[in-house]
Amino acid sequence: MEMDSLLARVNRIEETMQHPSDLHVRYLLNHDICLLYIGGIIDLQPCQESVVKPLLTFSPSSDSLQNIIESLATLDVGIKDDDRSIPQLLLNGSVILINRMHHQFLDIQLGSFPKRSIMEPEMEVTTRGPKDGFVEDLSANRSLIRKRLKTDQLRIESVTLGSYSHTPVEIYYIDGIADQELLKGIIRQIESMNVPFITDSSLIERALDRRKLKFLPIFQHTQRPDTVVCNLMEGRIVILVDGTPDAILLPAVFLNFMESPDDYYEIPVFATFVKLLRLFAFLLSITLPSLYIAISTYHWALIPTKLLISFASSRSGVPYPLILEILLLEFIFEVLREAGIRFPKNIGQVVSIVGALVIGEAAVQAGFVSAVEEQEHIPIEVAI
C-alpha cells in the first residue's frame, strides 16, 4: 500500500508536468526513496557525491526525513509538504526527495544554470574604477551589490512575474534615504503586472511608464554595480530582473543622462567641466542642423562672404532644397549606425566607416547632396 502511494505521488507529478523527457526519476533503497530532478539544470556531481552516496548507506529503519537531512548537512535542504509546488521547484533547479513513509518531501537546492562570467560592460567602459559588470544571473548581480554595500539598511523586495516564466524581480533601495511613497507605488505597479513571461527589464519599464506620449525616457540603465551603488546612496530605486544584465534606475531626470561612471572617480572640478561639455555637445547636436538650414536659407547675411560663395557654388548642381538634403543625410547616418551595431563586431566598424565614405562620395557625385569646395579668389564688385 505504501509502495503504491509513492508510485502514485510520482505519477501525479509526471502527469502534472506532461511527462517531460528531461525529468529524471530514480528510486533508491528498494523503492523506499525517490529522487526527481530535471536534467541539465542541476549539478550532477554534487548530486551523486552528496545525495545519492549517503542515501545508499542507509538501512530501511533509518531512512527518516530527519536522518536524511542530517546526512545532507552540507547542502541547502528544506522540508515542504505541498506536492503541488514540486513542478515549480523542479524547474527552479531543485532535487526533490520523496520518502514513502512521509507525506512531506525534501527540497534540495542543486540548481546549476549556465551563466556568463563577470566581465567589464562593453557599453560603459571607464578609465578608472572597477571593471566588473552585471551578468544574466540575478544571484551573481545581488552579490556584486552586497559586496559594495555591507549595510543592513539595504532593502531588497522580491517579486515573481510571468505566469509561464516565473521570473524573479528584485527592487533595491536604502531604507531612510529612498522616497517611501514612490517605492510603494513602484512595488504596487510591478505586483499588478499580469504578463505571461518576462525576458527583459524593458517589459517592466512599459508597465511603470503610464504616459501616453513616450518621447523622452524617464528610466536610466546601467550594467555597472558601482553605478548602482552610487545611485542607491543618492536615494534612487534600482530594479534587477533575472535573465538580463541591465539594471533600471529611477527616477531619472535630464541631468542624469549627462553623467558618466568616470564622474564618480574624477576631481569634482574636472567632472563638472566634462558634464558641461556633454551638455553643450548635446545642445549642438540637436540644434546644428536646424541652425544650418535657417542661416543658409533665410539669414545668409550672417555667413562670411567667402564662405557664402563656397556654399552657393557647391549647391549649384543640387536640384533638391537644403532641408531635403539634411534629412537625407540624417537618414543615411542612422542607417549606417544601425548597420554598425547589428553587424558582427569584427566587421561592424568597417561597414560604418567605409559605408559612410563610399555612400557620401557617391551622393556628392550624383548631385544628391552638396560638398563645400575650396574656391579660388573671385573678384567681387560692390556697387555704390
Protein backbone atom coordinates (compact mmCIF):
# COMPACT_ATOMS: atom_id res chain seq x y z
CA MET A 1 0.00 0.00 0.00
CA GLU A 2 2.81 2.38 0.91
CA MET A 3 4.66 1.45 -2.30
CA ASP A 4 1.60 2.25 -4.35
CA SER A 5 1.32 5.60 -2.51
CA LEU A 6 4.89 6.56 -3.52
CA LEU A 7 4.31 5.50 -7.12
CA ALA A 8 1.02 7.37 -7.20
CA ARG A 9 2.70 10.59 -6.00
CA VAL A 10 5.42 10.29 -8.63
CA ASN A 11 2.85 9.54 -11.36
CA ARG A 12 0.81 12.61 -10.39
CA ILE A 13 3.93 14.79 -10.62
CA GLU A 14 4.79 13.40 -14.06
CA GLU A 15 1.22 13.89 -15.30
CA THR A 16 1.17 17.47 -14.00
CA MET A 17 4.38 18.21 -15.91
CA GLN A 18 3.10 16.40 -19.04
CA HIS A 19 5.84 13.72 -18.84
CA PRO A 20 8.84 15.86 -19.90
CA SER A 21 11.70 13.94 -21.47
CA ASP A 22 14.33 15.58 -19.22
CA LEU A 23 12.59 14.66 -15.95
CA HIS A 24 14.71 12.00 -14.22
CA VAL A 25 13.14 9.67 -11.64
CA ARG A 26 15.45 7.49 -9.55
CA TYR A 27 14.34 5.01 -6.89
CA LEU A 28 16.67 4.02 -4.01
CA LEU A 29 16.61 1.57 -1.08
CA ASN A 30 14.16 -0.87 -2.66
CA HIS A 31 11.82 1.92 -3.79
CA ASP A 32 11.63 3.44 -0.29
CA ILE A 33 13.03 6.75 -1.55
CA CYS A 34 12.57 8.51 -4.87
CA LEU A 35 14.71 11.31 -6.32
CA LEU A 36 13.33 13.62 -9.01
CA TYR A 37 15.25 16.28 -10.93
CA ILE A 38 15.40 17.99 -14.32
CA GLY A 39 18.46 17.07 -16.32
CA GLY A 40 20.71 19.88 -17.46
CA ILE A 41 19.80 22.41 -14.77
CA ILE A 42 21.32 20.73 -11.70
CA ASP A 43 24.92 19.95 -10.82
CA LEU A 44 25.12 16.16 -11.21
CA GLN A 45 28.45 15.67 -9.43
CA PRO A 46 27.31 17.13 -6.06
CA CYS A 47 24.04 15.24 -6.51
CA GLN A 48 25.89 11.96 -6.88
CA GLU A 49 28.51 12.62 -4.19
CA SER A 50 26.44 14.44 -1.56
CA VAL A 51 22.96 12.97 -2.06
CA VAL A 52 22.98 9.56 -3.71
CA LYS A 53 26.04 8.02 -1.98
CA PRO A 54 24.93 8.91 1.60
CA LEU A 55 21.46 7.53 0.87
CA LEU A 56 22.86 4.20 -0.31
CA THR A 57 24.39 3.62 3.15
CA PHE A 58 21.02 3.93 4.89
CA SER A 59 19.20 0.97 6.38
CA PRO A 60 15.41 0.61 6.00
CA SER A 61 14.95 1.62 9.63
CA SER A 62 16.99 4.81 9.40
CA ASP A 63 15.63 6.45 6.26
CA SER A 64 13.51 9.01 8.10
CA LEU A 65 13.49 12.60 6.85
CA GLN A 66 15.42 13.82 9.89
CA ASN A 67 18.20 11.28 9.36
CA ILE A 68 18.37 12.17 5.69
CA ILE A 69 18.64 15.89 6.49
CA GLU A 70 21.47 15.18 8.93
CA SER A 71 23.35 13.27 6.23
CA LEU A 72 22.90 16.20 3.82
CA ALA A 73 24.20 18.83 6.24
CA THR A 74 26.47 20.40 3.60
CA LEU A 75 23.55 21.15 1.25
CA ASP A 76 20.69 23.62 1.29
CA VAL A 77 17.75 21.38 2.24
CA GLY A 78 14.18 22.35 3.13
CA ILE A 79 11.14 20.37 4.22
CA LYS A 80 7.89 21.01 2.35
CA ASP A 81 4.51 19.34 2.40
CA ASP A 82 2.62 20.61 -0.67
CA ASP A 83 3.12 18.30 -3.64
CA ARG A 84 1.57 20.92 -5.95
CA SER A 85 4.73 23.02 -5.58
CA ILE A 86 7.04 20.22 -6.76
CA PRO A 87 6.84 21.00 -10.53
CA GLN A 88 7.88 24.61 -9.97
CA LEU A 89 10.67 23.58 -7.59
CA LEU A 90 11.99 21.12 -10.17
CA LEU A 91 12.01 23.81 -12.85
CA ASN A 92 13.90 26.11 -10.49
CA GLY A 93 16.75 23.59 -10.23
CA SER A 94 15.85 21.60 -7.11
CA VAL A 95 16.27 17.90 -6.45
CA ILE A 96 13.10 16.52 -4.83
CA LEU A 97 13.42 13.62 -2.38
CA ILE A 98 10.23 11.72 -1.54
CA ASN A 99 10.09 9.11 1.21
CA ARG A 100 7.27 6.58 1.07
CA MET A 101 6.85 6.77 4.85
CA HIS A 102 6.15 10.52 4.95
CA HIS A 103 3.75 12.85 3.17
CA GLN A 104 6.38 15.60 3.35
CA PHE A 105 9.31 15.84 0.91
CA LEU A 106 12.79 17.40 0.85
CA ASP A 107 13.73 20.30 -1.43
CA ILE A 108 17.48 20.09 -2.13
CA GLN A 109 18.90 23.18 -3.86
CA LEU A 110 21.36 21.98 -6.51
CA GLY A 111 20.47 24.27 -9.41
CA SER A 112 23.31 24.99 -11.83
CA PHE A 113 22.02 27.08 -14.72
CA PRO A 114 24.55 28.12 -17.38
CA LYS A 115 25.76 31.67 -16.80
CA ARG A 116 28.22 34.11 -18.30
CA SER A 117 31.38 35.04 -16.43
CA ILE A 118 31.62 38.52 -14.92
CA MET A 119 33.37 40.97 -17.21
CA GLU A 120 33.51 44.71 -17.95
CA PRO A 121 30.42 46.10 -19.73
CA GLU A 122 31.21 46.91 -23.35
CA MET A 123 28.94 49.97 -23.48
CA GLU A 124 30.19 51.57 -20.23
CA VAL A 125 33.96 51.48 -20.46
CA THR A 126 35.80 53.67 -17.94
CA THR A 127 39.41 54.67 -17.43
CA ARG A 128 39.15 54.43 -13.65
CA GLY A 129 37.10 52.42 -11.21
CA PRO A 130 36.17 48.72 -11.08
CA LYS A 131 35.93 46.63 -14.22
CA ASP A 132 33.21 44.13 -13.26
CA GLY A 133 29.67 44.26 -14.59
CA PHE A 134 26.31 42.63 -14.20
CA VAL A 135 25.50 39.30 -15.87
CA GLU A 136 22.26 37.44 -16.59
CA ASP A 137 22.26 35.66 -13.22
CA LEU A 138 20.31 37.50 -10.53
CA SER A 139 22.15 35.94 -7.58
CA ALA A 140 25.52 36.96 -9.06
CA ASN A 141 24.27 40.54 -9.55
CA ARG A 142 22.99 40.62 -5.98
CA SER A 143 26.37 39.52 -4.67
CA LEU A 144 28.10 42.33 -6.63
CA ILE A 145 25.87 44.88 -4.88
CA ARG A 146 26.21 43.24 -1.46
CA LYS A 147 29.98 43.25 -1.88
CA ARG A 148 29.96 47.06 -2.08
CA LEU A 149 27.12 47.85 0.34
CA LYS A 150 27.70 45.97 3.60
CA THR A 151 24.86 47.62 5.48
CA ASP A 152 21.63 46.37 7.00
CA GLN A 153 19.88 49.45 5.60
CA LEU A 154 19.92 47.92 2.12
CA ARG A 155 16.46 46.54 1.46
CA ILE A 156 15.52 44.04 -1.26
CA GLU A 157 11.90 43.42 -2.24
CA SER A 158 11.37 40.26 -4.32
CA VAL A 159 8.54 39.73 -6.80
CA THR A 160 7.91 36.86 -9.22
CA LEU A 161 6.41 37.80 -12.58
CA GLY A 162 5.18 35.80 -15.56
CA SER A 163 2.62 33.01 -15.43
CA TYR A 164 4.89 30.90 -17.65
CA SER A 165 8.42 32.16 -16.94
CA HIS A 166 8.08 32.81 -13.16
CA THR A 167 10.91 35.32 -13.43
CA PRO A 168 12.33 36.71 -10.16
CA VAL A 169 12.46 40.51 -9.95
CA GLU A 170 14.23 42.38 -7.14
CA ILE A 171 13.76 46.00 -6.08
CA TYR A 172 16.68 47.60 -4.20
CA TYR A 173 16.64 50.73 -2.05
CA ILE A 174 18.32 52.21 1.02
CA ASP A 175 15.95 52.47 3.97
CA GLY A 176 15.82 56.03 5.26
CA ILE A 177 17.10 57.56 2.01
CA ALA A 178 14.66 56.41 -0.70
CA ASP A 179 11.22 58.00 -1.04
CA GLN A 180 8.79 55.54 0.58
CA GLU A 181 5.73 56.79 -1.31
CA LEU A 182 7.48 56.37 -4.63
CA LEU A 183 8.72 52.94 -3.56
CA LYS A 184 5.23 51.74 -2.59
CA GLY A 185 3.83 52.93 -5.90
CA ILE A 186 6.53 51.11 -7.87
CA ILE A 187 6.06 47.85 -5.95
CA ARG A 188 2.29 48.08 -6.34
CA GLN A 189 2.53 48.56 -10.11
CA ILE A 190 5.03 45.73 -10.53
CA GLU A 191 2.96 43.31 -8.47
CA SER A 192 -0.14 44.17 -10.52
CA MET A 193 1.56 43.19 -13.81
CA ASN A 194 -0.26 40.31 -15.48
CA VAL A 195 2.07 39.04 -18.20
CA PRO A 196 2.78 35.51 -19.46
CA PHE A 197 6.56 35.90 -19.42
CA ILE A 198 9.38 38.33 -18.67
CA THR A 199 12.52 38.21 -20.80
CA ASP A 200 13.97 41.67 -20.23
CA SER A 201 13.64 44.69 -17.97
CA SER A 202 12.07 46.67 -20.83
CA LEU A 203 8.72 44.97 -20.14
CA ILE A 204 8.77 46.37 -16.62
CA GLU A 205 9.53 49.83 -17.97
CA ARG A 206 6.43 49.68 -20.15
CA ALA A 207 4.30 48.78 -17.16
CA LEU A 208 5.73 51.56 -14.98
CA ASP A 209 5.56 54.24 -17.69
CA ARG A 210 1.91 55.29 -17.87
CA ARG A 211 2.49 58.27 -20.18
CA LYS A 212 0.65 58.43 -23.48
CA LEU A 213 3.46 60.18 -25.33
CA LYS A 214 6.77 58.49 -24.54
CA PHE A 215 9.23 60.62 -26.46
CA LEU A 216 11.66 61.25 -23.59
CA PRO A 217 12.97 58.49 -21.28
CA ILE A 218 12.25 58.56 -17.56
CA PHE A 219 14.37 55.48 -16.73
CA GLN A 220 18.12 55.08 -16.77
CA HIS A 221 20.01 51.84 -17.46
CA THR A 222 23.37 50.56 -16.36
CA GLN A 223 25.35 47.33 -16.26
CA ARG A 224 27.84 48.56 -13.66
CA PRO A 225 27.35 47.62 -9.99
CA ASP A 226 29.35 50.66 -8.80
CA THR A 227 26.93 52.96 -10.64
CA VAL A 228 24.01 51.16 -8.97
CA VAL A 229 25.56 51.60 -5.53
CA CYS A 230 26.19 55.32 -6.10
CA ASN A 231 22.61 55.83 -7.24
CA LEU A 232 21.26 53.89 -4.26
CA MET A 233 23.16 56.21 -1.94
CA GLU A 234 21.60 59.16 -3.78
CA GLY A 235 18.12 57.89 -2.87
CA ARG A 236 17.17 56.28 -6.16
CA ILE A 237 15.49 52.91 -6.63
CA VAL A 238 17.04 50.04 -8.61
CA ILE A 239 15.23 47.15 -10.29
CA LEU A 240 17.04 43.96 -11.35
CA VAL A 241 15.44 41.22 -13.44
CA ASP A 242 16.72 37.66 -13.66
CA GLY A 243 17.97 36.92 -17.16
CA THR A 244 19.15 40.42 -18.11
CA PRO A 245 22.30 42.35 -17.12
CA ASP A 246 20.59 45.75 -17.34
CA ALA A 247 19.57 47.45 -14.10
CA ILE A 248 16.80 50.06 -14.10
CA LEU A 249 17.50 53.28 -12.20
CA LEU A 250 14.58 55.54 -11.32
CA PRO A 251 13.53 58.22 -11.10
CA ALA A 252 15.74 59.72 -13.81
CA VAL A 253 16.00 63.42 -14.62
CA PHE A 254 17.62 65.07 -17.60
CA LEU A 255 20.99 65.74 -15.97
CA ASN A 256 21.36 62.06 -15.03
CA PHE A 257 21.77 61.23 -18.70
CA MET A 258 24.70 63.65 -18.89
CA GLU A 259 26.65 61.66 -16.30
CA SER A 260 29.28 59.00 -16.86
CA PRO A 261 30.67 56.36 -14.48
CA ASP A 262 34.02 58.16 -14.68
CA ASP A 263 32.46 61.22 -12.98
CA TYR A 264 32.44 59.40 -9.63
CA TYR A 265 36.23 58.94 -9.72
CA GLU A 266 37.44 62.23 -11.17
CA ILE A 267 38.21 65.54 -9.45
CA PRO A 268 34.88 67.40 -8.93
CA VAL A 269 36.02 70.43 -10.93
CA PHE A 270 37.06 68.30 -13.90
CA ALA A 271 33.92 66.15 -13.67
CA THR A 272 31.75 69.28 -13.72
CA PHE A 273 33.61 70.64 -16.73
CA VAL A 274 33.18 67.39 -18.66
CA LYS A 275 29.48 67.28 -17.74
CA LEU A 276 29.02 70.82 -19.09
CA LEU A 277 30.92 69.78 -22.21
CA ARG A 278 28.50 66.88 -22.74
CA LEU A 279 25.57 69.23 -22.25
CA PHE A 280 26.96 71.65 -24.83
CA ALA A 281 27.59 68.80 -27.30
CA PHE A 282 24.02 67.58 -26.79
CA LEU A 283 22.56 71.02 -27.47
CA LEU A 284 24.80 71.38 -30.51
CA SER A 285 23.76 68.01 -31.93
CA ILE A 286 20.03 68.79 -31.79
CA THR A 287 20.24 72.42 -32.96
CA LEU A 288 23.08 72.50 -35.51
CA PRO A 289 21.12 71.05 -38.49
CA SER A 290 18.22 73.45 -37.95
CA LEU A 291 20.59 76.41 -37.47
CA TYR A 292 22.43 75.48 -40.66
CA ILE A 293 19.17 75.41 -42.64
CA ALA A 294 17.89 78.65 -41.10
CA ILE A 295 21.11 80.58 -41.72
CA SER A 296 21.78 79.19 -45.19
CA THR A 297 18.19 79.71 -46.39
CA TYR A 298 16.86 82.81 -44.65
CA HIS A 299 19.70 84.55 -42.77
CA TRP A 300 22.56 84.17 -45.24
CA ALA A 301 23.80 87.65 -44.35
CA LEU A 302 25.27 86.14 -41.18
CA ILE A 303 27.64 83.99 -43.24
CA PRO A 304 31.03 85.47 -44.25
CA THR A 305 31.17 86.35 -47.93
CA LYS A 306 33.84 83.84 -48.96
CA LEU A 307 32.06 81.03 -47.12
CA LEU A 308 28.75 82.05 -48.66
CA ILE A 309 30.29 81.85 -52.14
CA SER A 310 31.54 78.34 -51.36
CA PHE A 311 28.07 77.27 -50.20
CA ALA A 312 26.41 78.74 -53.28
CA SER A 313 28.93 77.15 -55.63
CA SER A 314 28.64 73.69 -54.03
CA ARG A 315 24.83 73.77 -54.14
CA SER A 316 24.63 74.95 -57.74
CA GLY A 317 24.37 71.36 -59.03
CA VAL A 318 21.95 70.04 -56.37
CA PRO A 319 18.31 70.03 -57.56
CA TYR A 320 16.78 69.46 -54.13
CA PRO A 321 16.11 72.00 -51.37
CA LEU A 322 18.53 72.21 -48.47
CA ILE A 323 16.12 70.75 -45.90
CA LEU A 324 15.66 67.60 -48.00
CA GLU A 325 19.43 67.26 -48.25
CA ILE A 326 19.81 67.44 -44.45
CA LEU A 327 17.02 64.90 -43.88
CA LEU A 328 18.64 62.55 -46.39
CA LEU A 329 21.99 62.79 -44.64
CA GLU A 330 20.39 62.20 -41.24
CA PHE A 331 18.63 59.11 -42.61
CA ILE A 332 21.86 57.74 -44.08
CA PHE A 333 23.71 58.30 -40.79
CA GLU A 334 21.02 56.41 -38.85
CA VAL A 335 21.11 53.52 -41.34
CA LEU A 336 24.91 53.28 -41.06
CA ARG A 337 24.77 53.50 -37.28
CA GLU A 338 22.20 50.69 -37.12
CA ALA A 339 24.26 48.59 -39.51
CA GLY A 340 27.37 49.11 -37.41
CA ILE A 341 25.53 47.97 -34.27
CA ARG A 342 23.80 44.92 -35.77
CA PHE A 343 26.71 43.59 -37.79
CA PRO A 344 29.22 41.24 -36.11
CA LYS A 345 31.76 43.13 -34.04
CA ASN A 346 34.68 42.38 -36.36
CA ILE A 347 33.07 43.97 -39.41
CA GLY A 348 30.66 46.44 -37.83
CA GLN A 349 33.18 49.26 -37.55
CA VAL A 350 34.48 48.62 -41.06
CA VAL A 351 30.97 48.76 -42.51
CA SER A 352 30.11 52.01 -40.73
CA ILE A 353 33.34 53.81 -41.67
CA VAL A 354 33.72 52.55 -45.24
CA GLY A 355 29.98 52.83 -45.81
CA ALA A 356 29.99 56.48 -44.77
CA LEU A 357 32.88 57.27 -47.11
CA VAL A 358 31.52 55.36 -50.11
CA ILE A 359 27.90 56.45 -49.76
CA GLY A 360 28.91 60.04 -49.02
CA GLU A 361 31.15 60.23 -52.07
CA ALA A 362 28.51 58.60 -54.26
CA ALA A 363 25.85 61.03 -53.03
CA VAL A 364 28.08 64.01 -53.80
CA GLN A 365 29.00 62.71 -57.27
CA ALA A 366 25.34 62.02 -58.07
CA GLY A 367 24.30 65.51 -57.02
CA PHE A 368 22.01 64.45 -54.18
CA VAL A 369 23.98 66.40 -51.58
CA SER A 370 26.46 69.24 -51.74
CA ALA A 371 30.09 69.36 -50.69
CA VAL A 372 31.89 72.56 -49.75
CA GLU A 373 34.84 73.05 -52.08
CA GLU A 374 37.77 75.39 -51.78
CA GLN A 375 37.24 78.38 -54.06
CA GLU A 376 39.84 80.48 -55.78
CA HIS A 377 39.90 84.23 -55.28
CA ILE A 378 36.87 85.57 -57.06
CA PRO A 379 36.66 89.30 -57.62
CA ILE A 380 33.54 90.82 -56.14
CA GLU A 381 32.20 94.08 -57.44
CA VAL A 382 30.36 96.20 -55.00
CA ALA A 383 28.01 98.80 -56.40
CA ILE A 384 27.94 102.05 -54.55
